[in-house]
Amino acid sequence: MNTPYNESRDLNLRPVVGLLQSIPEPVVEQLAMTAIKRHRDLLKITEELYRALPPEIQAGKKPAGVAHVKYLDAAIQMHSQMSALTTLLDILGRAPKVYGVDS
């Protein structure tokens, strides 16, 4: 791994850090690439759900309806997965090139 893991970062998911403690770098890199692709998919879904909301709900001027709750659920999933991705990138010490997306 390129940089030493900084244990003082409180944003990392400790169970993931422990799980990957002795895993070889190429495996962590593959997990990070998969997580990047998954995050992009979740982001796309979340953005589509947000754009489908009426402007008054987007602006927070109307109470949440079913579509808003669906968007909120997707946003929570996306941000939760981002926490795992951030942890993977911190463990790896770099952002890997994701073939088929970055090329």
N, C-alpha and C. Protein backbone atom coordinates (compact mmCIF):
# COMPACT_ATOMS: atom_id res chain seq x y z
N MET A 1 0.84 -1.17 0.00
CA MET A 1 0.00 0.00 0.00
C MET A 1 0.89 1.24 0.00
N ASN A 2 0.44 2.29 -0.66
CA ASN A 2 1.30 3.44 -0.88
C ASN A 2 1.50 4.32 0.34
N THR A 3 0.49 4.47 1.18
CA THR A 3 0.61 5.33 2.35
C THR A 3 0.19 4.55 3.58
N PRO A 4 0.78 4.87 4.72
CA PRO A 4 0.38 4.18 5.94
C PRO A 4 -1.03 4.58 6.33
N TYR A 5 -1.76 3.61 6.87
CA TYR A 5 -3.11 3.88 7.32
C TYR A 5 -3.08 4.79 8.53
N ASN A 6 -3.91 5.81 8.54
CA ASN A 6 -3.98 6.77 9.63
C ASN A 6 -5.12 6.39 10.56
N GLU A 7 -4.80 5.80 11.71
CA GLU A 7 -5.83 5.33 12.63
C GLU A 7 -6.63 6.46 13.27
N SER A 8 -6.15 7.69 13.21
CA SER A 8 -6.86 8.79 13.83
C SER A 8 -8.05 9.27 13.01
N ARG A 9 -8.17 8.81 11.77
CA ARG A 9 -9.32 9.21 10.94
C ARG A 9 -10.56 8.54 11.48
N ASP A 10 -11.50 9.32 11.94
CA ASP A 10 -12.71 8.75 12.53
C ASP A 10 -13.80 8.50 11.50
N LEU A 11 -13.54 8.77 10.24
CA LEU A 11 -14.54 8.55 9.21
C LEU A 11 -14.51 7.13 8.66
N ASN A 12 -13.46 6.40 8.96
CA ASN A 12 -13.32 5.05 8.44
C ASN A 12 -14.20 4.07 9.21
N LEU A 13 -14.64 3.05 8.51
CA LEU A 13 -15.44 1.99 9.11
C LEU A 13 -14.49 0.97 9.72
N ARG A 14 -14.39 0.96 11.03
CA ARG A 14 -13.44 0.09 11.71
C ARG A 14 -13.61 -1.39 11.36
N PRO A 15 -14.84 -1.90 11.22
CA PRO A 15 -14.96 -3.32 10.83
C PRO A 15 -14.31 -3.62 9.48
N VAL A 16 -14.41 -2.69 8.54
CA VAL A 16 -13.79 -2.88 7.22
C VAL A 16 -12.26 -2.83 7.36
N VAL A 17 -11.77 -1.91 8.16
CA VAL A 17 -10.33 -1.80 8.38
C VAL A 17 -9.81 -3.11 8.97
N GLY A 18 -10.50 -3.64 9.98
CA GLY A 18 -10.09 -4.90 10.59
C GLY A 18 -10.16 -6.07 9.62
N LEU A 19 -11.21 -6.11 8.85
CA LEU A 19 -11.42 -7.19 7.89
C LEU A 19 -10.31 -7.25 6.85
N LEU A 20 -9.80 -6.09 6.46
CA LEU A 20 -8.82 -6.03 5.38
C LEU A 20 -7.39 -5.84 5.88
N GLN A 21 -7.18 -5.96 7.16
CA GLN A 21 -5.88 -5.68 7.76
C GLN A 21 -4.72 -6.44 7.11
N SER A 22 -4.90 -7.70 6.80
CA SER A 22 -3.78 -8.47 6.24
C SER A 22 -4.05 -8.92 4.80
N ILE A 23 -4.98 -8.25 4.14
CA ILE A 23 -5.34 -8.61 2.77
C ILE A 23 -4.35 -7.94 1.80
N PRO A 24 -3.88 -8.67 0.80
CA PRO A 24 -2.92 -8.09 -0.16
C PRO A 24 -3.50 -6.88 -0.91
N GLU A 25 -2.63 -5.96 -1.28
CA GLU A 25 -3.03 -4.74 -1.97
C GLU A 25 -3.86 -4.99 -3.23
N PRO A 26 -3.49 -5.96 -4.09
CA PRO A 26 -4.30 -6.17 -5.30
C PRO A 26 -5.76 -6.53 -4.99
N VAL A 27 -6.00 -7.21 -3.90
CA VAL A 27 -7.37 -7.56 -3.52
C VAL A 27 -8.11 -6.32 -3.06
N VAL A 28 -7.45 -5.50 -2.24
CA VAL A 28 -8.07 -4.25 -1.77
C VAL A 28 -8.34 -3.33 -2.96
N GLU A 29 -7.41 -3.31 -3.92
CA GLU A 29 -7.61 -2.49 -5.11
C GLU A 29 -8.84 -2.95 -5.89
N GLN A 30 -9.00 -4.25 -6.05
CA GLN A 30 -10.18 -4.78 -6.76
C GLN A 30 -11.46 -4.42 -6.03
N LEU A 31 -11.44 -4.54 -4.71
CA LEU A 31 -12.61 -4.16 -3.91
C LEU A 31 -12.92 -2.67 -4.07
N ALA A 32 -11.88 -1.84 -4.11
CA ALA A 32 -12.07 -0.41 -4.29
C ALA A 32 -12.65 -0.09 -5.66
N MET A 33 -12.16 -0.76 -6.69
CA MET A 33 -12.68 -0.53 -8.04
C MET A 33 -14.16 -0.92 -8.13
N THR A 34 -14.50 -2.04 -7.52
CA THR A 34 -15.91 -2.48 -7.50
C THR A 34 -16.76 -1.47 -6.74
N ALA A 35 -16.24 -0.96 -5.63
CA ALA A 35 -16.98 0.02 -4.82
C ALA A 35 -17.17 1.33 -5.58
N ILE A 36 -16.17 1.73 -6.36
CA ILE A 36 -16.30 2.96 -7.17
C ILE A 36 -17.42 2.79 -8.19
N LYS A 37 -17.43 1.66 -8.87
CA LYS A 37 -18.49 1.40 -9.87
C LYS A 37 -19.86 1.37 -9.20
N ARG A 38 -19.94 0.71 -8.05
CA ARG A 38 -21.21 0.63 -7.33
C ARG A 38 -21.67 2.01 -6.89
N HIS A 39 -20.73 2.84 -6.42
CA HIS A 39 -21.10 4.19 -5.99
C HIS A 39 -21.64 5.00 -7.16
N ARG A 40 -21.01 4.87 -8.31
CA ARG A 40 -21.49 5.61 -9.49
C ARG A 40 -22.91 5.17 -9.88
N ASP A 41 -23.19 3.87 -9.75
CA ASP A 41 -24.54 3.37 -10.04
C ASP A 41 -25.55 3.93 -9.03
N LEU A 42 -25.18 3.91 -7.76
CA LEU A 42 -26.09 4.44 -6.72
C LEU A 42 -26.30 5.94 -6.89
N LEU A 43 -25.25 6.65 -7.26
CA LEU A 43 -25.37 8.09 -7.49
C LEU A 43 -26.33 8.38 -8.64
N LYS A 44 -26.22 7.61 -9.71
CA LYS A 44 -27.11 7.80 -10.86
C LYS A 44 -28.57 7.58 -10.45
N ILE A 45 -28.83 6.52 -9.71
CA ILE A 45 -30.20 6.24 -9.25
C ILE A 45 -30.71 7.36 -8.36
N THR A 46 -29.87 7.81 -7.44
CA THR A 46 -30.28 8.86 -6.50
C THR A 46 -30.57 10.16 -7.24
N GLU A 47 -29.72 10.51 -8.19
CA GLU A 47 -29.95 11.73 -8.97
C GLU A 47 -31.24 11.65 -9.78
N GLU A 48 -31.51 10.49 -10.36
CA GLU A 48 -32.75 10.32 -11.13
C GLU A 48 -33.97 10.48 -10.23
N LEU A 49 -33.93 9.90 -9.05
CA LEU A 49 -35.06 10.03 -8.13
C LEU A 49 -35.24 11.47 -7.68
N TYR A 50 -34.14 12.17 -7.47
CA TYR A 50 -34.22 13.58 -7.06
C TYR A 50 -34.82 14.43 -8.17
N ARG A 51 -34.35 14.22 -9.40
CA ARG A 51 -34.87 15.02 -10.53
C ARG A 51 -36.35 14.76 -10.78
N ALA A 52 -36.84 13.59 -10.38
CA ALA A 52 -38.26 13.27 -10.57
C ALA A 52 -39.16 13.93 -9.52
N LEU A 53 -38.56 14.47 -8.47
CA LEU A 53 -39.35 15.13 -7.42
C LEU A 53 -39.85 16.49 -7.90
N PRO A 54 -41.05 16.88 -7.49
CA PRO A 54 -41.52 18.23 -7.81
C PRO A 54 -40.60 19.28 -7.17
N PRO A 55 -40.46 20.44 -7.80
CA PRO A 55 -39.55 21.48 -7.29
C PRO A 55 -39.83 21.88 -5.84
N GLU A 56 -41.09 21.90 -5.45
CA GLU A 56 -41.40 22.31 -4.07
C GLU A 56 -40.93 21.28 -3.04
N ILE A 57 -40.86 20.02 -3.43
CA ILE A 57 -40.32 19.00 -2.53
C ILE A 57 -38.79 19.07 -2.55
N GLN A 58 -38.20 19.29 -3.72
CA GLN A 58 -36.75 19.45 -3.80
C GLN A 58 -36.29 20.61 -2.92
N ALA A 59 -37.07 21.67 -2.87
CA ALA A 59 -36.71 22.86 -2.10
C ALA A 59 -37.06 22.72 -0.62
N GLY A 60 -37.71 21.63 -0.24
CA GLY A 60 -38.09 21.42 1.15
C GLY A 60 -39.29 22.24 1.59
N LYS A 61 -40.11 22.68 0.63
CA LYS A 61 -41.28 23.51 0.95
C LYS A 61 -42.55 22.70 1.18
N LYS A 62 -42.52 21.41 0.81
CA LYS A 62 -43.68 20.54 0.99
C LYS A 62 -43.23 19.32 1.78
N PRO A 63 -44.15 18.73 2.52
CA PRO A 63 -43.80 17.53 3.27
C PRO A 63 -43.49 16.36 2.34
N ALA A 64 -42.74 15.42 2.88
CA ALA A 64 -42.30 14.27 2.10
C ALA A 64 -43.47 13.37 1.74
N GLY A 65 -43.47 12.90 0.50
CA GLY A 65 -44.41 11.90 0.04
C GLY A 65 -43.65 10.62 -0.25
N VAL A 66 -44.31 9.67 -0.87
CA VAL A 66 -43.70 8.38 -1.15
C VAL A 66 -42.46 8.53 -2.03
N ALA A 67 -42.54 9.36 -3.06
CA ALA A 67 -41.39 9.56 -3.96
C ALA A 67 -40.21 10.18 -3.21
N HIS A 68 -40.51 11.09 -2.29
CA HIS A 68 -39.45 11.73 -1.53
C HIS A 68 -38.78 10.73 -0.59
N VAL A 69 -39.58 9.89 0.03
CA VAL A 69 -39.03 8.87 0.91
C VAL A 69 -38.15 7.89 0.12
N LYS A 70 -38.58 7.56 -1.09
CA LYS A 70 -37.80 6.68 -1.96
C LYS A 70 -36.45 7.33 -2.29
N TYR A 71 -36.47 8.62 -2.59
CA TYR A 71 -35.23 9.36 -2.85
C TYR A 71 -34.34 9.36 -1.61
N LEU A 72 -34.93 9.67 -0.44
CA LEU A 72 -34.15 9.71 0.80
C LEU A 72 -33.50 8.36 1.09
N ASP A 73 -34.24 7.29 0.87
CA ASP A 73 -33.70 5.95 1.08
C ASP A 73 -32.52 5.70 0.14
N ALA A 74 -32.65 6.07 -1.11
CA ALA A 74 -31.56 5.90 -2.08
C ALA A 74 -30.35 6.74 -1.68
N ALA A 75 -30.59 7.96 -1.21
CA ALA A 75 -29.49 8.84 -0.80
C ALA A 75 -28.76 8.26 0.41
N ILE A 76 -29.49 7.68 1.35
CA ILE A 76 -28.87 7.05 2.51
C ILE A 76 -28.02 5.86 2.06
N GLN A 77 -28.54 5.05 1.16
CA GLN A 77 -27.77 3.91 0.65
C GLN A 77 -26.49 4.39 -0.05
N MET A 78 -26.62 5.44 -0.85
CA MET A 78 -25.46 5.97 -1.57
C MET A 78 -24.41 6.48 -0.60
N HIS A 79 -24.83 7.25 0.42
CA HIS A 79 -23.87 7.80 1.37
C HIS A 79 -23.27 6.72 2.27
N SER A 80 -24.04 5.72 2.61
CA SER A 80 -23.51 4.60 3.39
C SER A 80 -22.43 3.87 2.61
N GLN A 81 -22.70 3.62 1.35
CA GLN A 81 -21.73 2.94 0.49
C GLN A 81 -20.50 3.82 0.30
N MET A 82 -20.69 5.14 0.27
CA MET A 82 -19.56 6.05 0.13
C MET A 82 -18.64 5.95 1.34
N SER A 83 -19.19 5.72 2.51
CA SER A 83 -18.35 5.54 3.71
C SER A 83 -17.46 4.32 3.54
N ALA A 84 -18.02 3.24 3.01
CA ALA A 84 -17.22 2.04 2.77
C ALA A 84 -16.16 2.32 1.70
N LEU A 85 -16.53 3.03 0.65
CA LEU A 85 -15.57 3.37 -0.41
C LEU A 85 -14.45 4.24 0.14
N THR A 86 -14.78 5.23 0.92
CA THR A 86 -13.77 6.11 1.52
C THR A 86 -12.79 5.30 2.37
N THR A 87 -13.31 4.36 3.12
CA THR A 87 -12.46 3.50 3.94
C THR A 87 -11.52 2.68 3.06
N LEU A 88 -12.06 2.09 2.00
CA LEU A 88 -11.23 1.30 1.08
C LEU A 88 -10.12 2.15 0.46
N LEU A 89 -10.46 3.35 0.04
CA LEU A 89 -9.47 4.23 -0.58
C LEU A 89 -8.40 4.65 0.43
N ASP A 90 -8.81 4.86 1.67
CA ASP A 90 -7.85 5.22 2.71
C ASP A 90 -6.90 4.06 3.00
N ILE A 91 -7.44 2.86 3.05
CA ILE A 91 -6.61 1.67 3.27
C ILE A 91 -5.64 1.49 2.10
N LEU A 92 -6.15 1.64 0.89
CA LEU A 92 -5.33 1.47 -0.31
C LEU A 92 -4.29 2.57 -0.44
N GLY A 93 -4.64 3.77 -0.01
CA GLY A 93 -3.71 4.90 -0.07
C GLY A 93 -3.72 5.65 -1.38
N ARG A 94 -4.68 5.32 -2.24
CA ARG A 94 -4.78 5.98 -3.54
C ARG A 94 -6.12 5.62 -4.16
N ALA A 95 -6.46 6.33 -5.20
CA ALA A 95 -7.66 6.00 -5.97
C ALA A 95 -7.23 5.18 -7.19
N PRO A 96 -7.71 3.97 -7.33
CA PRO A 96 -7.30 3.16 -8.48
C PRO A 96 -7.98 3.62 -9.76
N LYS A 97 -7.35 3.32 -10.87
CA LYS A 97 -7.96 3.59 -12.17
C LYS A 97 -9.04 2.53 -12.38
N VAL A 98 -10.23 2.97 -12.74
CA VAL A 98 -11.34 2.05 -12.97
C VAL A 98 -11.50 1.90 -14.47
N TYR A 99 -11.08 0.76 -14.99
CA TYR A 99 -11.08 0.52 -16.43
C TYR A 99 -12.53 0.47 -16.95
N GLY A 100 -12.71 1.04 -18.12
CA GLY A 100 -14.03 1.11 -18.71
C GLY A 100 -14.79 2.34 -18.27
N VAL A 101 -14.26 3.05 -17.28
CA VAL A 101 -14.88 4.27 -16.79
C VAL A 101 -13.90 5.42 -16.89
N ASP A 102 -12.67 5.20 -16.42
CA ASP A 102 -11.65 6.26 -16.41
C ASP A 102 -10.83 6.29 -17.71
N SER A 103 -10.94 5.25 -18.52
CA SER A 103 -10.07 5.18 -19.71
C SER A 103 -10.64 5.95 -20.88
